[in-house]
Amino acid sequence: MNAITTLNGTTATFTVRGDIDFDTLPPLRAAADALPAHVTDLRWDLNHTCFMDIAGLHLLFAPTPPGHAYRRITVTGLRPQPLRLLRLAAETNPATFPLDRLLCDVRAPL
């Protein structure tokens, strides 16, 4: 897995290439936590992520760490398996996994 970070004003985009699992979660989380304070929008581009396990839920729905300003987190380019995982999580517990605030775009419904 590798991730490319692009900064554009107050928005940071992480383009992830590879799976998101508990092995890749720590470096992704560390990269997001290391963003400059002026970044208020964090977008995860998952066009090149075919698989995501529960670690992806921890990444996308983690509370704001202490001492960090609130960041709006969105996702784009969801492939079928990560989208299914997010939908299942939202169906199971919509208050914990509110997809309406997370999704920028969604490919055709499954």
PDB file of N, CA and C in Angstrom:
ATOM      1  N   MET A   1       0.844  -1.167   0.000  1.00  0.00           N
ATOM      2  CA  MET A   1       0.000   0.000   0.000  1.00  0.00           C
ATOM      3  C   MET A   1       0.885   1.223   0.000  1.00  0.00           C
ATOM      4  N   ASN A   2       0.495   2.208  -0.769  1.00  0.00           N
ATOM      5  CA  ASN A   2       1.114   3.525  -0.657  1.00  0.00           C
ATOM      6  C   ASN A   2       0.022   4.572  -0.786  1.00  0.00           C
ATOM      7  N   ALA A   3       0.317   5.760  -0.313  1.00  0.00           N
ATOM      8  CA  ALA A   3      -0.653   6.849  -0.358  1.00  0.00           C
ATOM      9  C   ALA A   3       0.063   8.114  -0.801  1.00  0.00           C
ATOM     10  N   ILE A   4      -0.586   8.829  -1.680  1.00  0.00           N
ATOM     11  CA  ILE A   4      -0.067  10.107  -2.160  1.00  0.00           C
ATOM     12  C   ILE A   4      -0.931  11.200  -1.542  1.00  0.00           C
ATOM     13  N   THR A   5      -0.289  12.185  -0.944  1.00  0.00           N
ATOM     14  CA  THR A   5      -0.999  13.294  -0.319  1.00  0.00           C
ATOM     15  C   THR A   5      -0.894  14.527  -1.201  1.00  0.00           C
ATOM     16  N   THR A   6      -2.039  15.135  -1.461  1.00  0.00           N
ATOM     17  CA  THR A   6      -2.094  16.366  -2.233  1.00  0.00           C
ATOM     18  C   THR A   6      -2.767  17.436  -1.381  1.00  0.00           C
ATOM     19  N   LEU A   7      -2.106  18.572  -1.249  1.00  0.00           N
ATOM     20  CA  LEU A   7      -2.689  19.698  -0.510  1.00  0.00           C
ATOM     21  C   LEU A   7      -3.143  20.762  -1.495  1.00  0.00           C
ATOM     22  N   ASN A   8      -4.359  21.249  -1.299  1.00  0.00           N
ATOM     23  CA  ASN A   8      -4.910  22.310  -2.128  1.00  0.00           C
ATOM     24  C   ASN A   8      -5.684  23.251  -1.208  1.00  0.00           C
ATOM     25  N   GLY A   9      -5.022  24.300  -0.761  1.00  0.00           N
ATOM     26  CA  GLY A   9      -5.649  25.227   0.181  1.00  0.00           C
ATOM     27  C   GLY A   9      -5.904  24.536   1.503  1.00  0.00           C
ATOM     28  N   THR A  10      -7.187  24.484   1.906  1.00  0.00           N
ATOM     29  CA  THR A  10      -7.550  23.865   3.180  1.00  0.00           C
ATOM     30  C   THR A  10      -7.970  22.405   3.024  1.00  0.00           C
ATOM     31  N   THR A  11      -7.775  21.844   1.824  1.00  0.00           N
ATOM     32  CA  THR A  11      -8.168  20.456   1.564  1.00  0.00           C
ATOM     33  C   THR A  11      -6.940  19.593   1.317  1.00  0.00           C
ATOM     34  N   ALA A  12      -6.919  18.438   1.976  1.00  0.00           N
ATOM     35  CA  ALA A  12      -5.893  17.427   1.729  1.00  0.00           C
ATOM     36  C   ALA A  12      -6.579  16.210   1.145  1.00  0.00           C
ATOM     37  N   THR A  13      -5.983  15.656   0.089  1.00  0.00           N
ATOM     38  CA  THR A  13      -6.500  14.436  -0.517  1.00  0.00           C
ATOM     39  C   THR A  13      -5.446  13.350  -0.395  1.00  0.00           C
ATOM     40  N   PHE A  14      -5.844  12.229   0.177  1.00  0.00           N
ATOM     41  CA  PHE A  14      -4.987  11.045   0.230  1.00  0.00           C
ATOM     42  C   PHE A  14      -5.479  10.073  -0.820  1.00  0.00           C
ATOM     43  N   THR A  15      -4.633   9.786  -1.799  1.00  0.00           N
ATOM     44  CA  THR A  15      -4.944   8.788  -2.806  1.00  0.00           C
ATOM     45  C   THR A  15      -4.260   7.498  -2.377  1.00  0.00           C
ATOM     46  N   VAL A  16      -5.065   6.537  -1.964  1.00  0.00           N
ATOM     47  CA  VAL A  16      -4.549   5.278  -1.429  1.00  0.00           C
ATOM     48  C   VAL A  16      -4.494   4.243  -2.542  1.00  0.00           C
ATOM     49  N   ARG A  17      -3.361   3.595  -2.672  1.00  0.00           N
ATOM     50  CA  ARG A  17      -3.182   2.516  -3.657  1.00  0.00           C
ATOM     51  C   ARG A  17      -2.888   1.238  -2.890  1.00  0.00           C
ATOM     52  N   GLY A  18      -3.880   0.382  -2.824  1.00  0.00           N
ATOM     53  CA  GLY A  18      -3.739  -0.877  -2.103  1.00  0.00           C
ATOM     54  C   GLY A  18      -4.834  -1.027  -1.061  1.00  0.00           C
ATOM     55  N   ASP A  19      -4.784  -2.149  -0.356  1.00  0.00           N
ATOM     56  CA  ASP A  19      -5.795  -2.484   0.635  1.00  0.00           C
ATOM     57  C   ASP A  19      -5.645  -1.638   1.898  1.00  0.00           C
ATOM     58  N   ILE A  20      -6.755  -1.466   2.592  1.00  0.00           N
ATOM     59  CA  ILE A  20      -6.740  -0.836   3.904  1.00  0.00           C
ATOM     60  C   ILE A  20      -7.098  -1.919   4.915  1.00  0.00           C
ATOM     61  N   ASP A  21      -6.125  -2.241   5.763  1.00  0.00           N
ATOM     62  CA  ASP A  21      -6.323  -3.251   6.802  1.00  0.00           C
ATOM     63  C   ASP A  21      -5.540  -2.812   8.033  1.00  0.00           C
ATOM     64  N   PHE A  22      -5.460  -3.673   9.046  1.00  0.00           N
ATOM     65  CA  PHE A  22      -4.802  -3.254  10.279  1.00  0.00           C
ATOM     66  C   PHE A  22      -3.301  -3.071  10.122  1.00  0.00           C
ATOM     67  N   ASP A  23      -2.693  -3.612   9.062  1.00  0.00           N
ATOM     68  CA  ASP A  23      -1.272  -3.348   8.809  1.00  0.00           C
ATOM     69  C   ASP A  23      -1.061  -1.956   8.215  1.00  0.00           C
ATOM     70  N   THR A  24      -2.001  -1.506   7.419  1.00  0.00           N
ATOM     71  CA  THR A  24      -1.847  -0.208   6.753  1.00  0.00           C
ATOM     72  C   THR A  24      -2.511   0.935   7.521  1.00  0.00           C
ATOM     73  N   LEU A  25      -3.324   0.611   8.515  1.00  0.00           N
ATOM     74  CA  LEU A  25      -4.010   1.646   9.286  1.00  0.00           C
ATOM     75  C   LEU A  25      -3.052   2.602  10.001  1.00  0.00           C
ATOM     76  N   PRO A  26      -2.040   2.130  10.737  1.00  0.00           N
ATOM     77  CA  PRO A  26      -1.174   3.075  11.469  1.00  0.00           C
ATOM     78  C   PRO A  26      -0.484   4.119  10.584  1.00  0.00           C
ATOM     79  N   PRO A  27       0.123   3.733   9.441  1.00  0.00           N
ATOM     80  CA  PRO A  27       0.745   4.794   8.642  1.00  0.00           C
ATOM     81  C   PRO A  27      -0.263   5.763   8.020  1.00  0.00           C
ATOM     82  N   LEU A  28      -1.444   5.278   7.661  1.00  0.00           N
ATOM     83  CA  LEU A  28      -2.467   6.175   7.109  1.00  0.00           C
ATOM     84  C   LEU A  28      -2.948   7.152   8.180  1.00  0.00           C
ATOM     85  N   ARG A  29      -3.195   6.642   9.364  1.00  0.00           N
ATOM     86  CA  ARG A  29      -3.642   7.502  10.457  1.00  0.00           C
ATOM     87  C   ARG A  29      -2.557   8.510  10.826  1.00  0.00           C
ATOM     88  N   ALA A  30      -1.301   8.068  10.858  1.00  0.00           N
ATOM     89  CA  ALA A  30      -0.187   8.977  11.192  1.00  0.00           C
ATOM     90  C   ALA A  30      -0.058  10.080  10.147  1.00  0.00           C
ATOM     91  N   ALA A  31      -0.235   9.734   8.875  1.00  0.00           N
ATOM     92  CA  ALA A  31      -0.148  10.734   7.807  1.00  0.00           C
ATOM     93  C   ALA A  31      -1.269  11.763   7.951  1.00  0.00           C
ATOM     94  N   ALA A  32      -2.471  11.310   8.263  1.00  0.00           N
ATOM     95  CA  ALA A  32      -3.591  12.235   8.449  1.00  0.00           C
ATOM     96  C   ALA A  32      -3.362  13.118   9.682  1.00  0.00           C
ATOM     97  N   ASP A  33      -2.848  12.534  10.748  1.00  0.00           N
ATOM     98  CA  ASP A  33      -2.604  13.309  11.969  1.00  0.00           C
ATOM     99  C   ASP A  33      -1.487  14.337  11.785  1.00  0.00           C
ATOM    100  N   ALA A  34      -0.592  14.109  10.826  1.00  0.00           N
ATOM    101  CA  ALA A  34       0.543  15.012  10.601  1.00  0.00           C
ATOM    102  C   ALA A  34       0.209  16.174   9.669  1.00  0.00           C
ATOM    103  N   LEU A  35      -1.018  16.237   9.172  1.00  0.00           N
ATOM    104  CA  LEU A  35      -1.395  17.336   8.279  1.00  0.00           C
ATOM    105  C   LEU A  35      -1.300  18.675   8.998  1.00  0.00           C
ATOM    106  N   PRO A  36      -1.012  19.735   8.244  1.00  0.00           N
ATOM    107  CA  PRO A  36      -0.962  21.069   8.859  1.00  0.00           C
ATOM    108  C   PRO A  36      -2.307  21.448   9.484  1.00  0.00           C
ATOM    109  N   ALA A  37      -2.255  22.312  10.465  1.00  0.00           N
ATOM    110  CA  ALA A  37      -3.457  22.719  11.204  1.00  0.00           C
ATOM    111  C   ALA A  37      -4.482  23.425  10.321  1.00  0.00           C
ATOM    112  N   HIS A  38      -4.052  24.075   9.237  1.00  0.00           N
ATOM    113  CA  HIS A  38      -5.003  24.817   8.393  1.00  0.00           C
ATOM    114  C   HIS A  38      -5.872  23.904   7.529  1.00  0.00           C
ATOM    115  N   VAL A  39      -5.565  22.616   7.467  1.00  0.00           N
ATOM    116  CA  VAL A  39      -6.358  21.675   6.669  1.00  0.00           C
ATOM    117  C   VAL A  39      -7.653  21.369   7.417  1.00  0.00           C
ATOM    118  N   THR A  40      -8.786  21.734   6.817  1.00  0.00           N
ATOM    119  CA  THR A  40     -10.089  21.517   7.444  1.00  0.00           C
ATOM    120  C   THR A  40     -10.916  20.451   6.733  1.00  0.00           C
ATOM    121  N   ASP A  41     -10.489  20.061   5.536  1.00  0.00           N
ATOM    122  CA  ASP A  41     -11.190  19.020   4.777  1.00  0.00           C
ATOM    123  C   ASP A  41     -10.194  17.939   4.399  1.00  0.00           C
ATOM    124  N   LEU A  42     -10.542  16.699   4.730  1.00  0.00           N
ATOM    125  CA  LEU A  42      -9.699  15.550   4.415  1.00  0.00           C
ATOM    126  C   LEU A  42     -10.486  14.604   3.527  1.00  0.00           C
ATOM    127  N   ARG A  43      -9.986  14.384   2.324  1.00  0.00           N
ATOM    128  CA  ARG A  43     -10.655  13.513   1.358  1.00  0.00           C
ATOM    129  C   ARG A  43      -9.800  12.267   1.143  1.00  0.00           C
ATOM    130  N   TRP A  44     -10.434  11.116   1.265  1.00  0.00           N
ATOM    131  CA  TRP A  44      -9.780   9.842   0.976  1.00  0.00           C
ATOM    132  C   TRP A  44     -10.231   9.395  -0.409  1.00  0.00           C
ATOM    133  N   ASP A  45      -9.306   9.335  -1.358  1.00  0.00           N
ATOM    134  CA  ASP A  45      -9.582   8.866  -2.713  1.00  0.00           C
ATOM    135  C   ASP A  45      -9.253   7.376  -2.744  1.00  0.00           C
ATOM    136  N   LEU A  46     -10.288   6.546  -2.854  1.00  0.00           N
ATOM    137  CA  LEU A  46     -10.109   5.090  -2.787  1.00  0.00           C
ATOM    138  C   LEU A  46     -10.331   4.404  -4.130  1.00  0.00           C
ATOM    139  N   ASN A  47     -10.095   5.128  -5.218  1.00  0.00           N
ATOM    140  CA  ASN A  47     -10.232   4.542  -6.553  1.00  0.00           C
ATOM    141  C   ASN A  47      -9.360   3.309  -6.749  1.00  0.00           C
ATOM    142  N   HIS A  48      -8.235   3.244  -6.060  1.00  0.00           N
ATOM    143  CA  HIS A  48      -7.279   2.146  -6.239  1.00  0.00           C
ATOM    144  C   HIS A  48      -7.246   1.225  -5.021  1.00  0.00           C
ATOM    145  N   THR A  49      -8.328   1.218  -4.245  1.00  0.00           N
ATOM    146  CA  THR A  49      -8.437   0.362  -3.069  1.00  0.00           C
ATOM    147  C   THR A  49      -9.567  -0.629  -3.312  1.00  0.00           C
ATOM    148  N   CYS A  50      -9.188  -1.877  -3.577  1.00  0.00           N
ATOM    149  CA  CYS A  50     -10.193  -2.904  -3.860  1.00  0.00           C
ATOM    150  C   CYS A  50     -10.715  -3.586  -2.604  1.00  0.00           C
ATOM    151  N   PHE A  51      -9.938  -3.553  -1.514  1.00  0.00           N
ATOM    152  CA  PHE A  51     -10.341  -4.237  -0.287  1.00  0.00           C
ATOM    153  C   PHE A  51     -10.114  -3.329   0.918  1.00  0.00           C
ATOM    154  N   MET A  52     -11.091  -3.346   1.814  1.00  0.00           N
ATOM    155  CA  MET A  52     -10.979  -2.616   3.068  1.00  0.00           C
ATOM    156  C   MET A  52     -11.676  -3.458   4.128  1.00  0.00           C
ATOM    157  N   ASP A  53     -10.985  -3.713   5.245  1.00  0.00           N
ATOM    158  CA  ASP A  53     -11.640  -4.423   6.337  1.00  0.00           C
ATOM    159  C   ASP A  53     -12.069  -3.416   7.399  1.00  0.00           C
ATOM    160  N   ILE A  54     -12.377  -3.893   8.576  1.00  0.00           N
ATOM    161  CA  ILE A  54     -12.878  -3.020   9.639  1.00  0.00           C
ATOM    162  C   ILE A  54     -11.902  -1.895   9.972  1.00  0.00           C
ATOM    163  N   ALA A  55     -10.630  -2.074   9.662  1.00  0.00           N
ATOM    164  CA  ALA A  55      -9.652  -1.005   9.880  1.00  0.00           C
ATOM    165  C   ALA A  55     -10.045   0.246   9.099  1.00  0.00           C
ATOM    166  N   GLY A  56     -10.650   0.074   7.943  1.00  0.00           N
ATOM    167  CA  GLY A  56     -11.125   1.217   7.166  1.00  0.00           C
ATOM    168  C   GLY A  56     -12.193   2.003   7.907  1.00  0.00           C
ATOM    169  N   LEU A  57     -13.052   1.298   8.641  1.00  0.00           N
ATOM    170  CA  LEU A  57     -14.055   1.991   9.447  1.00  0.00           C
ATOM    171  C   LEU A  57     -13.384   2.799  10.553  1.00  0.00           C
ATOM    172  N   HIS A  58     -12.354   2.219  11.160  1.00  0.00           N
ATOM    173  CA  HIS A  58     -11.608   2.944  12.189  1.00  0.00           C
ATOM    174  C   HIS A  58     -10.950   4.197  11.604  1.00  0.00           C
ATOM    175  N   LEU A  59     -10.458   4.093  10.384  1.00  0.00           N
ATOM    176  CA  LEU A  59      -9.803   5.231   9.734  1.00  0.00           C
ATOM    177  C   LEU A  59     -10.807   6.334   9.393  1.00  0.00           C
ATOM    178  N   LEU A  60     -11.912   5.952   8.780  1.00  0.00           N
ATOM    179  CA  LEU A  60     -12.857   6.931   8.255  1.00  0.00           C
ATOM    180  C   LEU A  60     -13.781   7.533   9.309  1.00  0.00           C
ATOM    181  N   PHE A  61     -14.022   6.802  10.401  1.00  0.00           N
ATOM    182  CA  PHE A  61     -14.961   7.276  11.412  1.00  0.00           C
ATOM    183  C   PHE A  61     -14.303   7.515  12.768  1.00  0.00           C
ATOM    184  N   ALA A  62     -12.988   7.651  12.784  1.00  0.00           N
ATOM    185  CA  ALA A  62     -12.289   7.902  14.046  1.00  0.00           C
ATOM    186  C   ALA A  62     -12.646   9.281  14.573  1.00  0.00           C
ATOM    187  N   PRO A  63     -12.790   9.396  15.885  1.00  0.00           N
ATOM    188  CA  PRO A  63     -13.022  10.739  16.443  1.00  0.00           C
ATOM    189  C   PRO A  63     -11.793  11.613  16.248  1.00  0.00           C
ATOM    190  N   THR A  64     -12.000  12.905  16.252  1.00  0.00           N
ATOM    191  CA  THR A  64     -10.886  13.850  16.120  1.00  0.00           C
ATOM    192  C   THR A  64      -9.959  13.692  17.322  1.00  0.00           C
ATOM    193  N   PRO A  65      -8.656  13.490  17.059  1.00  0.00           N
ATOM    194  CA  PRO A  65      -7.727  13.330  18.184  1.00  0.00           C
ATOM    195  C   PRO A  65      -7.662  14.596  19.039  1.00  0.00           C
ATOM    196  N   PRO A  66      -7.398  14.433  20.333  1.00  0.00           N
ATOM    197  CA  PRO A  66      -7.275  15.606  21.196  1.00  0.00           C
ATOM    198  C   PRO A  66      -6.194  16.559  20.667  1.00  0.00           C
ATOM    199  N   GLY A  67      -6.473  17.836  20.730  1.00  0.00           N
ATOM    200  CA  GLY A  67      -5.510  18.829  20.274  1.00  0.00           C
ATOM    201  C   GLY A  67      -5.575  19.125  18.795  1.00  0.00           C
ATOM    202  N   HIS A  68      -6.399  18.396  18.039  1.00  0.00           N
ATOM    203  CA  HIS A  68      -6.550  18.633  16.607  1.00  0.00           C
ATOM    204  C   HIS A  68      -7.872  19.361  16.348  1.00  0.00           C
ATOM    205  N   ALA A  69      -7.856  20.243  15.372  1.00  0.00           N
ATOM    206  CA  ALA A  69      -9.087  20.918  14.967  1.00  0.00           C
ATOM    207  C   ALA A  69      -9.967  19.918  14.213  1.00  0.00           C
ATOM    208  N   TYR A  70     -11.278  20.166  14.233  1.00  0.00           N
ATOM    209  CA  TYR A  70     -12.212  19.300  13.517  1.00  0.00           C
ATOM    210  C   TYR A  70     -11.902  19.334  12.024  1.00  0.00           C
ATOM    211  N   ARG A  71     -11.936  18.176  11.389  1.00  0.00           N
ATOM    212  CA  ARG A  71     -11.782  18.067   9.934  1.00  0.00           C
ATOM    213  C   ARG A  71     -12.973  17.319   9.356  1.00  0.00           C
ATOM    214  N   ARG A  72     -13.507  17.867   8.295  1.00  0.00           N
ATOM    215  CA  ARG A  72     -14.576  17.168   7.574  1.00  0.00           C
ATOM    216  C   ARG A  72     -13.912  16.077   6.751  1.00  0.00           C
ATOM    217  N   ILE A  73     -14.353  14.832   6.931  1.00  0.00           N
ATOM    218  CA  ILE A  73     -13.769  13.699   6.225  1.00  0.00           C
ATOM    219  C   ILE A  73     -14.769  13.207   5.191  1.00  0.00           C
ATOM    220  N   THR A  74     -14.291  13.068   3.947  1.00  0.00           N
ATOM    221  CA  THR A  74     -15.117  12.536   2.874  1.00  0.00           C
ATOM    222  C   THR A  74     -14.332  11.469   2.120  1.00  0.00           C
ATOM    223  N   VAL A  75     -15.075  10.685   1.347  1.00  0.00           N
ATOM    224  CA  VAL A  75     -14.490   9.592   0.570  1.00  0.00           C
ATOM    225  C   VAL A  75     -14.978   9.696  -0.857  1.00  0.00           C
ATOM    226  N   THR A  76     -14.109   9.387  -1.784  1.00  0.00           N
ATOM    227  CA  THR A  76     -14.468   9.361  -3.193  1.00  0.00           C
ATOM    228  C   THR A  76     -13.885   8.095  -3.824  1.00  0.00           C
ATOM    229  N   GLY A  77     -14.485   7.674  -4.929  1.00  0.00           N
ATOM    230  CA  GLY A  77     -13.948   6.556  -5.694  1.00  0.00           C
ATOM    231  C   GLY A  77     -14.096   5.193  -5.050  1.00  0.00           C
ATOM    232  N   LEU A  78     -15.164   4.982  -4.300  1.00  0.00           N
ATOM    233  CA  LEU A  78     -15.328   3.692  -3.621  1.00  0.00           C
ATOM    234  C   LEU A  78     -15.536   2.553  -4.609  1.00  0.00           C
ATOM    235  N   ARG A  79     -14.778   1.504  -4.426  1.00  0.00           N
ATOM    236  CA  ARG A  79     -14.927   0.273  -5.207  1.00  0.00           C
ATOM    237  C   ARG A  79     -16.026  -0.564  -4.555  1.00  0.00           C
ATOM    238  N   PRO A  80     -16.485  -1.640  -5.212  1.00  0.00           N
ATOM    239  CA  PRO A  80     -17.625  -2.401  -4.683  1.00  0.00           C
ATOM    240  C   PRO A  80     -17.451  -2.951  -3.264  1.00  0.00           C
ATOM    241  N   GLN A  81     -16.324  -3.565  -2.950  1.00  0.00           N
ATOM    242  CA  GLN A  81     -16.181  -4.181  -1.628  1.00  0.00           C
ATOM    243  C   GLN A  81     -16.141  -3.139  -0.507  1.00  0.00           C
ATOM    244  N   PRO A  82     -15.327  -2.077  -0.598  1.00  0.00           N
ATOM    245  CA  PRO A  82     -15.375  -1.072   0.463  1.00  0.00           C
ATOM    246  C   PRO A  82     -16.753  -0.414   0.597  1.00  0.00           C
ATOM    247  N   LEU A  83     -17.437  -0.208  -0.513  1.00  0.00           N
ATOM    248  CA  LEU A  83     -18.773   0.378  -0.469  1.00  0.00           C
ATOM    249  C   LEU A  83     -19.740  -0.556   0.257  1.00  0.00           C
ATOM    250  N   ARG A  84     -19.659  -1.862  -0.021  1.00  0.00           N
ATOM    251  CA  ARG A  84     -20.514  -2.829   0.679  1.00  0.00           C
ATOM    252  C   ARG A  84     -20.250  -2.792   2.182  1.00  0.00           C
ATOM    253  N   LEU A  85     -18.975  -2.724   2.567  1.00  0.00           N
ATOM    254  CA  LEU A  85     -18.622  -2.666   3.985  1.00  0.00           C
ATOM    255  C   LEU A  85     -19.230  -1.424   4.635  1.00  0.00           C
ATOM    256  N   LEU A  86     -19.101  -0.276   3.993  1.00  0.00           N
ATOM    257  CA  LEU A  86     -19.654   0.961   4.552  1.00  0.00           C
ATOM    258  C   LEU A  86     -21.176   0.901   4.654  1.00  0.00           C
ATOM    259  N   ARG A  87     -21.813   0.351   3.652  1.00  0.00           N
ATOM    260  CA  ARG A  87     -23.281   0.232   3.682  1.00  0.00           C
ATOM    261  C   ARG A  87     -23.730  -0.710   4.793  1.00  0.00           C
ATOM    262  N   LEU A  88     -23.034  -1.826   4.956  1.00  0.00           N
ATOM    263  CA  LEU A  88     -23.366  -2.761   6.022  1.00  0.00           C
ATOM    264  C   LEU A  88     -23.194  -2.111   7.390  1.00  0.00           C
ATOM    265  N   ALA A  89     -22.106  -1.385   7.564  1.00  0.00           N
ATOM    266  CA  ALA A  89     -21.875  -0.692   8.835  1.00  0.00           C
ATOM    267  C   ALA A  89     -22.985   0.331   9.097  1.00  0.00           C
ATOM    268  N   ALA A  90     -23.378   1.065   8.061  1.00  0.00           N
ATOM    269  CA  ALA A  90     -24.428   2.081   8.215  1.00  0.00           C
ATOM    270  C   ALA A  90     -25.784   1.447   8.519  1.00  0.00           C
ATOM    271  N   GLU A  91     -26.072   0.307   7.907  1.00  0.00           N
ATOM    272  CA  GLU A  91     -27.333  -0.387   8.185  1.00  0.00           C
ATOM    273  C   GLU A  91     -27.353  -0.922   9.609  1.00  0.00           C
ATOM    274  N   THR A  92     -26.197  -1.386  10.082  1.00  0.00           N
ATOM    275  CA  THR A  92     -26.098  -1.962  11.411  1.00  0.00           C
ATOM    276  C   THR A  92     -26.184  -0.890  12.488  1.00  0.00           C
ATOM    277  N   ASN A  93     -25.507   0.244  12.267  1.00  0.00           N
ATOM    278  CA  ASN A  93     -25.476   1.299  13.273  1.00  0.00           C
ATOM    279  C   ASN A  93     -25.343   2.663  12.591  1.00  0.00           C
ATOM    280  N   PRO A  94     -26.458   3.205  12.110  1.00  0.00           N
ATOM    281  CA  PRO A  94     -26.398   4.471  11.364  1.00  0.00           C
ATOM    282  C   PRO A  94     -25.898   5.654  12.187  1.00  0.00           C
ATOM    283  N   ALA A  95     -26.072   5.646  13.487  1.00  0.00           N
ATOM    284  CA  ALA A  95     -25.596   6.768  14.301  1.00  0.00           C
ATOM    285  C   ALA A  95     -24.073   6.787  14.385  1.00  0.00           C
ATOM    286  N   THR A  96     -23.455   5.629  14.380  1.00  0.00           N
ATOM    287  CA  THR A  96     -22.000   5.529  14.458  1.00  0.00           C
ATOM    288  C   THR A  96     -21.350   5.676  13.090  1.00  0.00           C
ATOM    289  N   PHE A  97     -22.036   5.216  12.041  1.00  0.00           N
ATOM    290  CA  PHE A  97     -21.487   5.221  10.682  1.00  0.00           C
ATOM    291  C   PHE A  97     -22.399   6.005   9.732  1.00  0.00           C
ATOM    292  N   PRO A  98     -22.465   7.338   9.886  1.00  0.00           N
ATOM    293  CA  PRO A  98     -23.352   8.155   9.045  1.00  0.00           C
ATOM    294  C   PRO A  98     -22.769   8.379   7.642  1.00  0.00           C
ATOM    295  N   LEU A  99     -23.224   7.596   6.694  1.00  0.00           N
ATOM    296  CA  LEU A  99     -22.669   7.683   5.337  1.00  0.00           C
ATOM    297  C   LEU A  99     -22.967   9.000   4.648  1.00  0.00           C
ATOM    298  N   ASP A 100     -24.061   9.653   4.991  1.00  0.00           N
ATOM    299  CA  ASP A 100     -24.414  10.893   4.303  1.00  0.00           C
ATOM    300  C   ASP A 100     -23.345  11.971   4.457  1.00  0.00           C
ATOM    301  N   ARG A 101     -22.614  11.979   5.548  1.00  0.00           N
ATOM    302  CA  ARG A 101     -21.563  12.985   5.726  1.00  0.00           C
ATOM    303  C   ARG A 101     -20.224  12.543   5.136  1.00  0.00           C
ATOM    304  N   LEU A 102     -20.098  11.262   4.795  1.00  0.00           N
ATOM    305  CA  LEU A 102     -18.820  10.714   4.361  1.00  0.00           C
ATOM    306  C   LEU A 102     -18.670  10.648   2.844  1.00  0.00           C
ATOM    307  N   LEU A 103     -19.751  10.368   2.148  1.00  0.00           N
ATOM    308  CA  LEU A 103     -19.657  10.071   0.723  1.00  0.00           C
ATOM    309  C   LEU A 103     -19.703  11.310  -0.155  1.00  0.00           C
ATOM    310  N   CYS A 104     -18.679  11.454  -0.998  1.00  0.00           N
ATOM    311  CA  CYS A 104     -18.655  12.518  -2.012  1.00  0.00           C
ATOM    312  C   CYS A 104     -19.404  12.053  -3.250  1.00  0.00           C
ATOM    313  N   ASP A 105     -19.088  10.855  -3.635  1.00  0.00           N
ATOM    314  CA  ASP A 105     -19.714  10.260  -4.810  1.00  0.00           C
ATOM    315  C   ASP A 105     -19.760   8.771  -4.579  1.00  0.00           C
ATOM    316  N   VAL A 106     -20.677   8.129  -5.248  1.00  0.00           N
ATOM    317  CA  VAL A 106     -20.800   6.680  -5.143  1.00  0.00           C
ATOM    318  C   VAL A 106     -21.048   6.142  -6.537  1.00  0.00           C
ATOM    319  N   ARG A 107     -20.345   5.080  -6.854  1.00  0.00           N
ATOM    320  CA  ARG A 107     -20.589   4.433  -8.147  1.00  0.00           C
ATOM    321  C   ARG A 107     -21.975   3.793  -8.123  1.00  0.00           C
ATOM    322  N   ALA A 108     -22.377   3.241  -9.214  1.00  0.00           N
ATOM    323  CA  ALA A 108     -23.713   2.660  -9.336  1.00  0.00           C
ATOM    324  C   ALA A 108     -24.024   1.724  -8.164  1.00  0.00           C
ATOM    325  N   PRO A 109     -25.267   1.743  -7.668  1.00  0.00           N
ATOM    326  CA  PRO A 109     -25.638   0.881  -6.543  1.00  0.00           C
ATOM    327  C   PRO A 109     -25.406  -0.585  -6.859  1.00  0.00           C
ATOM    328  N   LEU A 110     -25.140  -1.360  -5.806  1.00  0.00           N
ATOM    329  CA  LEU A 110     -24.896  -2.795  -5.989  1.00  0.00           C
ATOM    330  C   LEU A 110     -26.166  -3.571  -5.943  1.00  0.00           C
TER     331      LEU A 110
END
